[in-house]
Amino acid sequence: MRAQHEPTLYTCTHMMELNTSEDGVARCWWGVEPEIYRKYHDNEWGRATTDDHRLFEKICLEGFQAGLSWLTILRKRENFRNGFAGFDPEKVAQFGEADVDRLLADAGIVRHQGKIRSTISNAANALELIDEQGSLAAHFWSWAGPEQGPPSELPATTSVSTAMSKDLKKRGWSFVGPTTVYAFMQAVGLVNDHLDGCHVREACAEERRRVMRSAL
């Protein structure tokens, strides 16, 4: 989930509140229903992610999400994984025109030619970044700042996401605007935007602390 998955979720900041579902657990308002959102909220969003394949997947799927609801992407995610070789950058970077045609014919994913080609191109750029930095995790986590308190609002972009977007674009990446990048940062735990009182906020904070103390 990104703050901008549905316009009302980020333009109406008064809606930022904890909700308690039938299981009696307090969650960020967006992570209660439907169940697929609840599982994503509890188990993935804001969890400190250091696996390069998952990081590459997250930033690509955030790009595919632009103009759509995140629910659409979640429901199609396994199809995306099958179509893009588990988002292994080494494999995706080798995709050619036959793969583009195959993906454009795949009704199980978002059939946007520009985004499909961008994912392939970004895979090659990801490999260059891995060669330079040692891993995608090492680079992306270098953008994580000091721990912050619970958010009082969820911005669409920040100064950090804007700077990170510019850096990626200079490296040849596409579909990585500041809004997409901030959603990625939220999703992989570079920032912790779970609300105060959310039952997973502290777990996400502790995971983030462990990563920040480690040498990626």
Foldseek 3Di string as FASTA:
>chain_A
DACVLDPCSAVVLVQFDWDAEPVRATFTPVQHDDVLSVCLRQPFFQAADQDQQVLLLLLLLLLQSVPHHVVLCSQLVVVVCVLQVSSQLVVLLPDDPVSLVVQCPDPSGRNDSVSSVLSNQVSVLQVVVCVVQVGPSRVVLVLQDDADDADSHRDLADPSLQVVLVVVVVSPHPSRHRSSSVRSCRRNNSYQHIGVRRPCRVVSVVSSVVSVPDDD
